[in-house]
Amino acid sequence: MKSKLLLLLLMVFTITSCDDLIEPAIENNRGLEDMYAEAEYAQGILLNAYTRLPNNGYSFSEVATDDAVSNVNNNPYREIATGQWTAQNNPFDQWQNARAAIQYINIFLAETDKVTWSEDEEISSLFNDRLKGEAYGLRALYMYYLLRQHAGWANGELLGVPILLEPEETGSDFNQPRATFEECMQQLYADVEQAEALLPLDYETLSSLPEGYSDLGDYNRVFGEYAKQRMTGRIAKTVRAQAALLAASPAYADGNTTTWADVANYAGEVLAENGGASGIAANGHTWYKNASQISGIGGGNNPPEIIWRTDVVETSDLEQQHFPPTLFGDGQLNPTQNLVNSFPMANGYPITDPASGFDPANPYENRDPRLDHYIVVNQSTAGPGNSTIVTAADGSTNDALNAVETSTRTGYYLKKLLRQDVNLDPVTSNTQQHYTARMRYTELYLIYAEAANEAWGPQGTGPFGFSAYDIIAGLRERAGITQPDAYLESISSDQNAMRELIRNERRLELSFEGFRFWDIRRWGDDLNVPARGVSILDGNHQTITVEDRIYEEYMRYGPIPFSEVLKYDAIIQNQGW
């Protein structure tokens, strides 16, 4: 009887389990219709685009330029700088990341009008407008990333990327051709205009109602301080200026209609709201180590230098990676002699100018104070105890040139971005607060200076009342160049000399923040300048070649990922790749 009962139970179990064996269980996947009544879920679609923005890490693409080398053998930028850059090995690739972000943005824009953002219809409408504005601004930003990384010439035409304004889904035609660079720029401008129309300049709680709104309380609930560090009108306008600078530059100018005057107007519009040339933040060039300022950041507020930033975090990661060995660091990134030579003397003259007073036997004396802020040179002090760092080739410490695996290859160590009050000593280690500047006013001032000089000459002001000369004068005075700035005055009417000075100021002010690689290319500068260092022996400073650069001319523009060209015959690869 027991055997028959067991057999019967087994048969029943088998029959009732058959459906489960044949049909898979329903997965816990949520559909788009779920977002209509759940605002947090709906907003999560848009937040996917935010999560793909650069975070608190630094990639240091300067290693692929004449500004730095790495002592890490498999550093991806070291590899591509020395001849290993291909369409399959591309650390600059933004194709997948940016297009995925745009897909989420397009899904959000297609569905957001159906979402109940609040039971109050007026507030729901305001939230809907604001979040759509954020989406348009973010889509413009990701288009900029795609153009910077992947635009290029093919078949005699400057091409951008496929323009996608609707969500891609099952049944979509994924085999879409690349639009022209000009078409991509016009779409970017259109998205910025949409963002401007829907977003406030900044998120802040107001005491008086802006024009076009009916209730102050509703306005502050939607556009108030709690939303800080989300996309704003000011950030969207800055994206437009960044993209326009790329478009107007020599490497792209023949393939689109953006002019230098356009760039100056886009940047000037934002700067005029910041006080023009007088709005330059007094300590903006040391934003990363302004300790009291950083510790006082709260509620999403920004220091005067910052347009957009990441959250503040407690960490010592950067210091661990880049402090010299005697400060318990790995010394991974080493600035070059090329970059050190670009710092002028304290009197403002380039070190190659006879009026500079440069002494080759004492090359670090009386230099632009930014050199001490940004780079550890021989006999510099660094770290929490102001330790003297000896990089001379005959030095007795592990900081000396090539002394150990983690020591400098160039005779220099990175200082910028690092908090010198971090202690890595295992006995007394500590962390400090850091954040990453996504957008700084200094970048925007330099965009304006470059464009204004090209459009109107060194002292032309356009409609704004301040010139390229005014901006550079303000930045150099802030840096500590001796006043009056005799060198600047000597070139104040020379557009060519001012162009070179502006480019050099950009190199210094934005060093190690990811700009040099793109600047060299858009300017048409030499890609293959060797990375040089210094060997100091018995007090003698000898320039040495540390690492050759191996680029082809077509590498002025990045590749389309090889996998995309294989999958889609409508995608044309950039010339040379």
Protein backbone atom coordinates (compact mmCIF):
# COMPACT_ATOMS: atom_id res chain seq x y z
CA MET A 1 0.00 0.00 0.00
CA LYS A 2 2.85 2.39 0.85
CA SER A 3 4.53 1.70 -2.52
CA LYS A 4 1.28 2.34 -4.43
CA LEU A 5 0.71 5.58 -2.49
CA LEU A 6 4.23 6.83 -3.24
CA LEU A 7 3.79 5.99 -6.93
CA LEU A 8 0.48 7.88 -7.02
CA LEU A 9 2.03 10.97 -5.37
CA LEU A 10 4.94 10.88 -7.83
CA MET A 11 2.54 10.77 -10.80
CA VAL A 12 0.53 13.72 -9.41
CA PHE A 13 3.73 15.75 -8.82
CA THR A 14 4.97 14.99 -12.33
CA ILE A 15 1.69 16.04 -13.95
CA THR A 16 1.35 19.26 -11.95
CA SER A 17 5.00 20.19 -12.56
CA CYS A 18 4.80 19.72 -16.29
CA ASP A 19 3.79 23.30 -17.02
CA ASP A 20 6.69 24.62 -14.97
CA LEU A 21 9.11 22.42 -16.88
CA ILE A 22 7.80 23.56 -20.25
CA GLU A 23 6.98 27.24 -19.50
CA PRO A 24 9.55 29.37 -17.62
CA ALA A 25 8.38 31.22 -14.54
CA ILE A 26 7.39 34.85 -15.01
CA GLU A 27 10.45 37.01 -14.34
CA ASN A 28 10.31 40.01 -12.06
CA ASN A 29 10.83 42.49 -14.90
CA ARG A 30 8.90 45.74 -14.77
CA GLY A 31 7.34 47.29 -17.83
CA LEU A 32 7.25 50.92 -18.87
CA GLU A 33 3.60 51.16 -17.86
CA ASP A 34 4.71 50.70 -14.24
CA MET A 35 6.37 54.12 -14.31
CA TYR A 36 3.17 56.05 -15.03
CA ALA A 37 1.90 55.83 -11.46
CA GLU A 38 5.26 55.54 -9.71
CA ALA A 39 7.30 58.73 -9.96
CA GLU A 40 10.44 57.30 -8.34
CA TYR A 41 10.59 54.45 -10.84
CA ALA A 42 10.01 56.88 -13.71
CA GLN A 43 12.78 59.16 -12.49
CA GLY A 44 15.06 56.13 -12.23
CA ILE A 45 14.98 55.84 -16.02
CA LEU A 46 16.49 59.30 -16.30
CA LEU A 47 18.94 58.66 -13.46
CA ASN A 48 20.51 55.92 -15.58
CA ALA A 49 21.90 58.73 -17.74
CA TYR A 50 23.34 60.48 -14.68
CA THR A 51 25.09 57.32 -13.50
CA ARG A 52 27.10 57.25 -16.75
CA LEU A 53 28.68 60.66 -16.13
CA PRO A 54 32.32 60.82 -15.05
CA ASN A 55 32.62 60.16 -11.29
CA ASN A 56 35.25 60.85 -8.67
CA GLY A 57 37.97 58.99 -10.55
CA TYR A 58 40.59 60.40 -12.92
CA SER A 59 41.73 58.54 -16.03
CA PHE A 60 44.73 60.87 -16.68
CA SER A 61 44.64 60.76 -20.46
CA GLU A 62 47.60 63.18 -20.29
CA VAL A 63 49.72 59.99 -20.30
CA ALA A 64 48.84 59.80 -24.02
CA THR A 65 50.30 63.29 -24.59
CA ASP A 66 53.54 65.21 -24.10
CA ASP A 67 52.45 66.26 -20.60
CA ALA A 68 52.92 63.00 -18.67
CA VAL A 69 54.07 59.38 -18.61
CA SER A 70 53.02 56.49 -16.40
CA ASN A 71 55.22 54.00 -14.57
CA VAL A 72 52.47 51.38 -14.93
CA ASN A 73 53.42 49.15 -17.87
CA ASN A 74 49.88 48.24 -18.90
CA ASN A 75 48.41 51.72 -18.49
CA PRO A 76 46.00 51.94 -21.46
CA TYR A 77 47.03 55.50 -22.36
CA ARG A 78 50.70 54.52 -22.26
CA GLU A 79 49.88 51.68 -24.65
CA ILE A 80 48.10 53.83 -27.22
CA ALA A 81 50.75 56.57 -27.04
CA THR A 82 53.40 54.01 -27.94
CA GLY A 83 51.71 52.57 -31.02
CA GLN A 84 48.90 50.31 -29.77
CA TRP A 85 45.86 52.48 -30.52
CA THR A 86 43.34 50.63 -32.69
CA ALA A 87 39.59 50.56 -33.26
CA GLN A 88 39.54 47.50 -30.99
CA ASN A 89 41.81 48.94 -28.29
CA ASN A 90 40.48 52.40 -27.53
CA PRO A 91 40.37 53.64 -23.91
CA PHE A 92 38.68 56.84 -25.14
CA ASP A 93 35.67 54.91 -26.45
CA GLN A 94 32.33 56.52 -25.52
CA TRP A 95 30.21 54.74 -28.13
CA GLN A 96 28.52 52.20 -25.85
CA ASN A 97 28.34 54.36 -22.72
CA ALA A 98 27.00 57.52 -24.36
CA ARG A 99 24.58 55.71 -26.66
CA ALA A 100 23.22 53.70 -23.72
CA ALA A 101 22.69 56.97 -21.82
CA ILE A 102 20.90 58.46 -24.83
CA GLN A 103 18.70 55.35 -25.06
CA TYR A 104 17.55 55.84 -21.46
CA ILE A 105 17.01 59.55 -22.13
CA ASN A 106 14.92 58.79 -25.21
CA ILE A 107 12.84 56.25 -23.28
CA PHE A 108 12.24 58.86 -20.60
CA LEU A 109 11.26 61.57 -23.07
CA ALA A 110 8.87 59.21 -24.84
CA GLU A 111 7.05 58.29 -21.62
CA THR A 112 7.36 61.20 -19.18
CA ASP A 113 4.17 62.98 -20.26
CA LYS A 114 2.20 59.92 -19.08
CA VAL A 115 3.69 59.94 -15.57
CA THR A 116 1.83 61.25 -12.54
CA TRP A 117 4.63 63.23 -10.90
CA SER A 118 2.32 64.63 -8.23
CA GLU A 119 -1.34 64.43 -7.30
CA ASP A 120 -1.36 68.21 -7.71
CA GLU A 121 -1.67 68.76 -11.48
CA GLU A 122 0.24 72.05 -11.47
CA ILE A 123 3.19 70.59 -9.57
CA SER A 124 3.10 67.46 -11.72
CA SER A 125 3.37 69.63 -14.83
CA LEU A 126 6.30 71.59 -13.36
CA PHE A 127 8.17 68.40 -12.42
CA ASN A 128 7.54 67.02 -15.89
CA ASP A 129 8.96 70.15 -17.51
CA ARG A 130 12.02 70.20 -15.26
CA LEU A 131 12.91 66.56 -15.81
CA LYS A 132 12.43 66.90 -19.56
CA GLY A 133 14.79 69.87 -19.44
CA GLU A 134 17.36 67.75 -17.63
CA ALA A 135 16.96 65.02 -20.25
CA TYR A 136 17.54 67.42 -23.15
CA GLY A 137 20.60 68.89 -21.46
CA LEU A 138 22.05 65.45 -20.78
CA ARG A 139 21.41 64.33 -24.35
CA ALA A 140 23.37 67.35 -25.59
CA LEU A 141 26.23 66.49 -23.24
CA TYR A 142 26.43 62.89 -24.45
CA MET A 143 26.34 64.07 -28.05
CA TYR A 144 29.35 66.25 -27.24
CA TYR A 145 31.19 63.24 -25.82
CA LEU A 146 30.39 61.19 -28.91
CA LEU A 147 31.56 63.90 -31.30
CA ARG A 148 34.78 64.55 -29.39
CA GLN A 149 35.65 60.86 -29.25
CA HIS A 150 34.29 59.54 -32.55
CA ALA A 151 33.72 62.29 -35.14
CA GLY A 152 36.05 62.21 -38.10
CA TRP A 153 36.52 62.41 -41.83
CA ALA A 154 35.34 59.64 -44.15
CA ASN A 155 34.84 59.77 -47.91
CA GLY A 156 35.69 63.47 -47.92
CA GLU A 157 33.01 64.37 -45.36
CA LEU A 158 33.20 65.20 -41.65
CA LEU A 159 30.87 62.72 -39.99
CA GLY A 160 29.42 62.53 -36.50
CA VAL A 161 27.25 59.72 -35.14
CA PRO A 162 23.75 58.41 -35.83
CA ILE A 163 21.19 60.85 -34.42
CA LEU A 164 18.77 58.90 -32.26
CA LEU A 165 15.73 60.75 -30.93
CA GLU A 166 13.41 57.80 -30.28
CA PRO A 167 13.95 54.69 -28.13
CA GLU A 168 15.47 51.72 -29.91
CA GLU A 169 13.44 48.58 -29.26
CA THR A 170 12.73 45.14 -30.64
CA GLY A 171 11.98 45.55 -34.33
CA SER A 172 13.91 48.82 -34.68
CA ASP A 173 16.30 49.24 -37.59
CA PHE A 174 19.65 49.39 -35.77
CA ASN A 175 21.61 49.76 -39.01
CA GLN A 176 21.57 53.56 -39.02
CA PRO A 177 24.17 55.67 -40.88
CA ARG A 178 26.23 58.38 -39.25
CA ALA A 179 24.86 61.89 -39.58
CA THR A 180 27.18 64.67 -40.63
CA PHE A 181 29.09 66.55 -37.96
CA GLU A 182 27.04 69.64 -38.82
CA GLU A 183 23.74 67.79 -38.37
CA CYS A 184 24.93 66.48 -35.00
CA MET A 185 25.93 69.97 -33.87
CA GLN A 186 22.57 71.38 -34.88
CA GLN A 187 20.81 68.63 -32.91
CA LEU A 188 23.01 69.41 -29.90
CA TYR A 189 22.14 73.10 -30.15
CA ALA A 190 18.44 72.24 -30.41
CA ASP A 191 18.63 70.10 -27.27
CA VAL A 192 20.35 72.90 -25.37
CA GLU A 193 17.62 75.31 -26.42
CA GLN A 194 14.99 72.90 -25.13
CA ALA A 195 16.88 72.56 -21.85
CA GLU A 196 17.20 76.35 -21.49
CA ALA A 197 13.47 76.81 -22.01
CA LEU A 198 12.54 74.30 -19.31
CA LEU A 199 15.26 74.72 -16.66
CA PRO A 200 16.21 77.53 -14.28
CA LEU A 201 19.71 78.95 -14.59
CA ASP A 202 20.45 77.41 -11.18
CA TYR A 203 18.44 75.56 -8.56
CA GLU A 204 17.80 77.88 -5.64
CA THR A 205 15.00 78.78 -3.28
CA LEU A 206 13.63 82.16 -4.31
CA SER A 207 11.80 84.84 -2.34
CA SER A 208 10.03 86.32 -5.36
CA LEU A 209 8.21 84.52 -8.13
CA PRO A 210 9.93 84.38 -11.55
CA GLU A 211 8.00 85.49 -14.60
CA GLY A 212 5.82 82.79 -16.12
CA TYR A 213 4.97 80.96 -12.88
CA SER A 214 1.85 81.29 -10.71
CA ASP A 215 2.84 80.06 -7.24
CA LEU A 216 6.10 80.69 -5.36
CA GLY A 217 5.71 77.65 -3.11
CA ASP A 218 5.15 75.34 -6.08
CA TYR A 219 8.13 76.86 -7.89
CA ASN A 220 10.49 76.35 -4.94
CA ARG A 221 9.24 72.81 -4.43
CA VAL A 222 10.23 71.87 -7.99
CA PHE A 223 13.16 74.18 -8.76
CA GLY A 224 14.51 74.79 -5.25
CA GLU A 225 17.81 73.98 -3.60
CA TYR A 226 17.20 70.25 -3.12
CA ALA A 227 17.79 69.67 -6.86
CA LYS A 228 21.31 71.12 -6.89
CA GLN A 229 23.93 69.18 -8.90
CA ARG A 230 21.29 68.09 -11.42
CA MET A 231 21.37 69.48 -14.97
CA THR A 232 20.60 73.23 -15.03
CA GLY A 233 20.33 75.97 -17.62
CA ARG A 234 23.85 77.15 -16.73
CA ILE A 235 25.30 73.66 -17.21
CA ALA A 236 23.48 73.19 -20.53
CA LYS A 237 24.84 76.52 -21.79
CA THR A 238 28.34 75.43 -20.80
CA VAL A 239 27.90 72.19 -22.76
CA ARG A 240 27.02 74.31 -25.79
CA ALA A 241 30.18 76.39 -25.39
CA GLN A 242 32.35 73.26 -25.01
CA ALA A 243 30.90 71.65 -28.11
CA ALA A 244 31.11 74.85 -30.13
CA LEU A 245 34.80 75.21 -29.22
CA LEU A 246 35.43 71.76 -30.67
CA ALA A 247 33.47 72.58 -33.80
CA ALA A 248 35.20 75.90 -34.51
CA SER A 249 38.72 74.51 -33.98
CA PRO A 250 41.03 73.95 -36.98
CA ALA A 251 40.55 70.17 -37.11
CA TYR A 252 36.74 70.49 -37.44
CA ALA A 253 36.09 73.97 -38.84
CA ASP A 254 35.88 72.86 -42.48
CA GLY A 255 33.05 70.45 -41.71
CA ASN A 256 30.49 72.68 -40.00
CA THR A 257 29.15 76.22 -39.74
CA THR A 258 30.01 77.10 -36.12
CA THR A 259 32.21 80.20 -35.99
CA TRP A 260 34.63 81.57 -33.41
CA ALA A 261 32.17 84.39 -32.77
CA ASP A 262 29.50 81.79 -31.97
CA VAL A 263 31.82 80.18 -29.42
CA ALA A 264 32.66 83.51 -27.80
CA ASN A 265 28.98 84.43 -27.61
CA TYR A 266 27.99 81.10 -26.05
CA ALA A 267 30.73 81.29 -23.41
CA GLY A 268 30.32 85.04 -22.89
CA GLU A 269 26.61 84.65 -22.18
CA VAL A 270 27.38 82.46 -19.17
CA LEU A 271 30.37 84.52 -18.02
CA ALA A 272 28.39 87.76 -18.14
CA GLU A 273 26.11 86.21 -15.50
CA ASN A 274 29.22 85.53 -13.41
CA GLY A 275 30.53 89.08 -13.40
CA GLY A 276 32.53 88.94 -16.61
CA ALA A 277 36.29 89.23 -16.27
CA SER A 278 35.92 90.39 -12.66
CA GLY A 279 34.19 87.13 -11.74
CA ILE A 280 37.35 85.02 -11.83
CA ALA A 281 37.47 83.12 -8.52
CA ALA A 282 40.43 84.24 -6.41
CA ASN A 283 41.57 80.72 -5.53
CA GLY A 284 40.00 78.85 -8.42
CA HIS A 285 43.34 77.47 -9.63
CA THR A 286 43.73 75.52 -6.36
CA TRP A 287 40.09 74.40 -6.09
CA TYR A 288 41.10 70.79 -5.31
CA LYS A 289 42.98 71.66 -2.11
CA ASN A 290 41.05 74.62 -0.72
CA ALA A 291 40.41 72.70 2.51
CA SER A 292 38.11 75.09 4.34
CA GLN A 293 36.07 75.63 1.19
CA ILE A 294 35.71 71.89 0.58
CA SER A 295 34.78 71.11 4.18
CA GLY A 296 32.16 73.85 4.07
CA ILE A 297 30.37 72.50 0.99
CA GLY A 298 26.89 71.41 1.93
CA GLY A 299 23.44 71.06 0.47
CA GLY A 300 24.75 70.76 -3.06
CA ASN A 301 26.36 74.22 -2.99
CA ASN A 302 29.36 75.06 -5.17
CA PRO A 303 32.51 77.04 -4.47
CA PRO A 304 32.84 80.15 -6.69
CA GLU A 305 35.07 78.29 -9.17
CA ILE A 306 32.71 75.38 -9.80
CA ILE A 307 29.84 75.14 -12.27
CA TRP A 308 29.18 71.42 -11.77
CA ARG A 309 30.81 68.82 -9.57
CA THR A 310 30.51 65.35 -8.13
CA ASP A 311 29.69 64.59 -4.50
CA VAL A 312 32.35 65.10 -1.84
CA VAL A 313 33.91 61.84 -0.65
CA GLU A 314 36.43 60.90 2.04
CA THR A 315 39.31 59.07 0.34
CA SER A 316 43.07 58.80 -0.09
CA ASP A 317 43.01 56.90 -3.39
CA LEU A 318 44.59 59.64 -5.52
CA GLU A 319 47.34 60.18 -3.00
CA GLN A 320 48.01 56.44 -2.79
CA GLN A 321 48.38 56.27 -6.54
CA HIS A 322 50.47 59.40 -7.05
CA PHE A 323 52.40 60.42 -3.94
CA PRO A 324 56.17 59.79 -4.21
CA PRO A 325 57.40 56.47 -2.76
CA THR A 326 58.86 58.05 0.38
CA LEU A 327 55.35 59.33 1.18
CA PHE A 328 54.09 55.73 0.79
CA GLY A 329 52.63 56.43 -2.66
CA ASP A 330 52.93 54.58 -5.96
CA GLY A 331 54.14 57.56 -8.02
CA GLN A 332 52.14 56.37 -11.01
CA LEU A 333 51.89 59.57 -13.05
CA ASN A 334 55.01 61.57 -13.85
CA PRO A 335 54.72 65.05 -15.40
CA THR A 336 57.18 65.73 -18.20
CA GLN A 337 59.92 68.25 -18.74
CA ASN A 338 57.79 69.46 -21.67
CA LEU A 339 55.09 70.58 -19.26
CA VAL A 340 57.53 72.02 -16.72
CA ASN A 341 59.08 74.13 -19.50
CA SER A 342 55.66 75.59 -20.32
CA PHE A 343 55.44 77.32 -16.92
CA PRO A 344 56.78 80.87 -17.35
CA MET A 345 58.95 82.74 -14.93
CA ALA A 346 57.29 84.66 -12.10
CA ASN A 347 57.69 87.82 -14.19
CA GLY A 348 55.43 86.24 -16.84
CA TYR A 349 58.02 85.73 -19.58
CA PRO A 350 58.44 82.28 -21.16
CA ILE A 351 61.69 80.67 -20.07
CA THR A 352 62.92 80.86 -23.70
CA ASP A 353 62.66 84.67 -23.71
CA PRO A 354 65.94 86.48 -22.90
CA ALA A 355 63.97 88.88 -20.69
CA SER A 356 62.78 86.04 -18.45
CA GLY A 357 65.93 85.73 -16.34
CA PHE A 358 65.74 81.93 -16.48
CA ASP A 359 68.81 80.22 -14.99
CA PRO A 360 69.39 76.68 -16.38
CA ALA A 361 71.50 75.87 -13.32
CA ASN A 362 68.58 76.75 -11.03
CA PRO A 363 65.61 75.95 -13.27
CA TYR A 364 62.94 75.99 -10.54
CA GLU A 365 63.83 79.36 -9.03
CA ASN A 366 61.52 82.35 -9.55
CA ARG A 367 59.01 80.38 -11.59
CA ASP A 368 55.28 80.86 -11.99
CA PRO A 369 53.83 79.84 -8.58
CA ARG A 370 51.55 77.35 -10.31
CA LEU A 371 54.56 75.11 -10.89
CA ASP A 372 54.84 74.55 -7.14
CA HIS A 373 51.09 73.97 -6.85
CA TYR A 374 50.90 71.41 -9.64
CA ILE A 375 54.23 69.52 -9.87
CA VAL A 376 56.75 68.09 -7.41
CA VAL A 377 60.24 69.04 -8.62
CA ASN A 378 63.62 68.22 -7.11
CA GLN A 379 63.84 69.63 -3.56
CA SER A 380 60.09 70.36 -3.43
CA THR A 381 58.28 69.80 -0.18
CA ALA A 382 55.21 67.58 -0.14
CA GLY A 383 53.00 65.52 2.13
CA PRO A 384 51.62 66.17 5.61
CA GLY A 385 55.05 66.80 7.08
CA ASN A 386 56.35 68.98 4.23
CA SER A 387 59.00 66.37 3.45
CA THR A 388 61.72 67.32 0.99
CA ILE A 389 61.48 65.21 -2.17
CA VAL A 390 64.80 64.44 -3.86
CA THR A 391 64.47 63.33 -7.47
CA ALA A 392 68.12 63.79 -8.49
CA ALA A 393 69.50 60.72 -10.25
CA ASP A 394 72.19 60.40 -7.58
CA GLY A 395 69.69 60.86 -4.75
CA SER A 396 69.75 58.45 -1.86
CA THR A 397 65.97 58.07 -1.58
CA ASN A 398 63.42 56.01 -3.47
CA ASP A 399 62.06 59.23 -4.97
CA ALA A 400 65.12 59.57 -7.21
CA LEU A 401 64.89 59.09 -10.96
CA ASN A 402 64.21 55.38 -11.67
CA ALA A 403 65.37 54.43 -8.17
CA VAL A 404 62.63 51.83 -7.66
CA GLU A 405 59.69 50.50 -9.64
CA THR A 406 57.35 53.16 -8.23
CA SER A 407 59.76 56.08 -8.60
CA THR A 408 59.58 58.81 -11.22
CA ARG A 409 60.57 58.21 -14.83
CA THR A 410 60.83 61.93 -15.62
CA GLY A 411 62.28 63.49 -12.48
CA TYR A 412 58.86 64.86 -11.46
CA TYR A 413 55.78 63.77 -9.51
CA LEU A 414 52.16 64.90 -9.68
CA LYS A 415 51.02 67.43 -7.09
CA LYS A 416 47.85 68.88 -8.57
CA LEU A 417 44.55 67.30 -7.43
CA LEU A 418 46.27 65.73 -4.41
CA ARG A 419 45.58 66.77 -0.82
CA GLN A 420 48.95 67.21 0.84
CA ASP A 421 47.28 66.75 4.25
CA VAL A 422 46.63 63.07 3.46
CA ASN A 423 48.92 60.77 5.44
CA LEU A 424 49.60 57.33 3.94
CA ASP A 425 51.89 56.16 6.72
CA PRO A 426 50.28 52.88 7.87
CA VAL A 427 50.83 53.90 11.49
CA THR A 428 49.05 57.26 11.25
CA SER A 429 47.09 57.11 7.99
CA ASN A 430 44.11 59.37 7.28
CA THR A 431 41.79 60.37 4.44
CA GLN A 432 40.56 63.78 3.28
CA GLN A 433 37.62 65.18 1.38
CA HIS A 434 37.80 65.23 -2.43
CA TYR A 435 35.47 65.98 -5.29
CA THR A 436 35.81 66.06 -9.05
CA ALA A 437 35.05 69.26 -10.96
CA ARG A 438 32.93 68.34 -13.96
CA MET A 439 32.88 71.96 -15.16
CA ARG A 440 34.94 74.89 -13.89
CA TYR A 441 34.61 78.56 -14.64
CA THR A 442 38.31 78.67 -15.53
CA GLU A 443 37.61 76.33 -18.44
CA LEU A 444 34.78 78.58 -19.60
CA TYR A 445 36.95 81.71 -19.29
CA LEU A 446 39.62 80.03 -21.40
CA ILE A 447 37.02 78.99 -24.00
CA TYR A 448 35.95 82.61 -24.21
CA ALA A 449 39.53 83.92 -24.42
CA GLU A 450 40.45 81.52 -27.23
CA ALA A 451 37.33 82.27 -29.25
CA ALA A 452 37.29 86.03 -28.64
CA ASN A 453 40.92 86.33 -29.74
CA GLU A 454 40.14 84.47 -32.97
CA ALA A 455 36.90 86.35 -33.64
CA TRP A 456 37.72 89.89 -32.51
CA GLY A 457 41.46 90.02 -31.77
CA PRO A 458 43.22 90.24 -28.38
CA GLN A 459 41.34 93.31 -27.15
CA GLY A 460 38.03 92.99 -28.96
CA THR A 461 35.11 92.70 -26.56
CA GLY A 462 32.21 91.74 -28.80
CA PRO A 463 28.92 92.48 -26.98
CA PHE A 464 30.23 91.64 -23.50
CA GLY A 465 32.62 94.42 -22.52
CA PHE A 466 35.60 92.13 -21.77
CA SER A 467 38.28 90.75 -24.07
CA ALA A 468 40.64 87.82 -24.40
CA TYR A 469 43.33 90.09 -23.01
CA ASP A 470 41.19 90.89 -19.95
CA ILE A 471 40.60 87.21 -19.21
CA ILE A 472 44.25 86.19 -19.54
CA ALA A 473 45.34 89.18 -17.45
CA GLY A 474 42.96 88.10 -14.70
CA LEU A 475 44.04 84.46 -14.75
CA ARG A 476 47.74 85.31 -14.67
CA GLU A 477 47.33 87.85 -11.88
CA ARG A 478 45.45 85.21 -9.87
CA ALA A 479 48.27 82.75 -10.51
CA GLY A 480 50.78 85.13 -8.93
CA ILE A 481 52.54 86.51 -12.01
CA THR A 482 54.37 89.69 -11.00
CA GLN A 483 52.35 92.82 -11.76
CA PRO A 484 52.42 94.70 -14.03
CA ASP A 485 52.58 91.74 -16.42
CA ALA A 486 55.19 93.06 -18.84
CA TYR A 487 55.10 90.07 -21.17
CA LEU A 488 51.31 90.21 -21.57
CA GLU A 489 51.53 93.94 -22.30
CA SER A 490 54.17 93.31 -24.95
CA ILE A 491 51.82 91.03 -26.94
CA SER A 492 48.52 92.74 -26.15
CA SER A 493 47.89 93.63 -29.80
CA ASP A 494 49.44 90.54 -31.42
CA GLN A 495 46.76 87.97 -32.26
CA ASN A 496 49.25 85.18 -33.07
CA ALA A 497 51.28 85.67 -29.90
CA MET A 498 48.08 85.93 -27.85
CA ARG A 499 46.87 82.67 -29.39
CA GLU A 500 50.01 80.88 -28.23
CA LEU A 501 49.73 82.39 -24.75
CA ILE A 502 46.06 81.42 -24.42
CA ARG A 503 46.85 77.85 -25.45
CA ASN A 504 49.68 77.72 -22.94
CA GLU A 505 47.49 79.12 -20.17
CA ARG A 506 44.94 76.44 -20.99
CA ARG A 507 47.67 73.80 -20.78
CA LEU A 508 48.68 74.99 -17.30
CA GLU A 509 45.31 75.85 -15.75
CA LEU A 510 43.57 72.68 -16.94
CA SER A 511 46.52 70.32 -16.56
CA PHE A 512 45.72 66.75 -15.46
CA GLU A 513 41.99 67.32 -15.85
CA GLY A 514 41.63 65.50 -19.18
CA PHE A 515 41.92 68.34 -21.74
CA ARG A 516 45.38 68.12 -23.29
CA PHE A 517 44.73 65.05 -25.46
CA TRP A 518 41.75 66.71 -27.15
CA ASP A 519 43.37 70.14 -27.39
CA ILE A 520 46.42 68.87 -29.29
CA ARG A 521 44.14 67.24 -31.83
CA ARG A 522 41.63 70.00 -32.37
CA TRP A 523 44.44 72.58 -32.74
CA GLY A 524 46.34 70.47 -35.26
CA ASP A 525 49.48 70.41 -33.10
CA ASP A 526 52.19 67.79 -33.47
CA LEU A 527 51.01 64.47 -32.06
CA ASN A 528 54.47 62.95 -31.84
CA VAL A 529 56.39 65.28 -29.54
CA PRO A 530 58.46 62.91 -27.33
CA ALA A 531 57.82 62.91 -23.59
CA ARG A 532 60.97 64.26 -21.94
CA GLY A 533 62.32 64.30 -18.42
CA VAL A 534 65.31 65.55 -16.49
CA SER A 535 68.32 63.73 -15.10
CA ILE A 536 69.97 65.69 -12.29
CA LEU A 537 73.51 64.56 -11.54
CA ASP A 538 75.96 66.56 -9.43
CA GLY A 539 73.72 69.58 -9.77
CA ASN A 540 73.64 69.42 -13.58
CA HIS A 541 70.19 69.25 -15.23
CA GLN A 542 70.17 67.24 -18.44
CA THR A 543 67.02 66.79 -20.52
CA ILE A 544 66.38 63.17 -21.44
CA THR A 545 63.89 61.46 -23.75
CA VAL A 546 61.67 59.22 -21.66
CA GLU A 547 59.10 57.94 -24.14
CA ASP A 548 58.50 58.49 -27.84
CA ARG A 549 55.00 59.09 -29.11
CA ILE A 550 53.86 56.94 -32.04
CA TYR A 551 50.79 58.35 -33.75
CA GLU A 552 49.68 58.51 -37.36
CA GLU A 553 48.14 61.68 -38.77
CA TYR A 554 44.70 60.06 -39.09
CA MET A 555 44.72 59.58 -35.30
CA ARG A 556 43.81 63.23 -34.95
CA TYR A 557 40.29 61.76 -34.89
CA GLY A 558 39.24 58.69 -32.92
CA PRO A 559 37.81 55.50 -34.41
CA ILE A 560 34.34 54.05 -34.55
CA PRO A 561 34.43 50.79 -32.54
CA PHE A 562 35.47 47.92 -34.82
CA SER A 563 32.55 45.81 -33.60
CA GLU A 564 30.04 48.43 -34.80
CA VAL A 565 31.53 48.55 -38.28
CA LEU A 566 31.36 44.76 -38.46
CA LYS A 567 27.72 44.64 -37.33
CA TYR A 568 26.29 47.49 -39.39
CA ASP A 569 27.19 48.16 -43.02
CA ALA A 570 25.63 51.64 -42.81
CA ILE A 571 28.33 52.71 -40.32
CA ILE A 572 31.36 54.13 -42.13
CA GLN A 573 34.70 54.01 -40.32
CA ASN A 574 36.81 57.15 -40.01
CA GLN A 575 39.63 57.50 -42.49
CA GLY A 576 42.74 55.47 -41.62
CA TRP A 577 41.17 53.23 -38.99
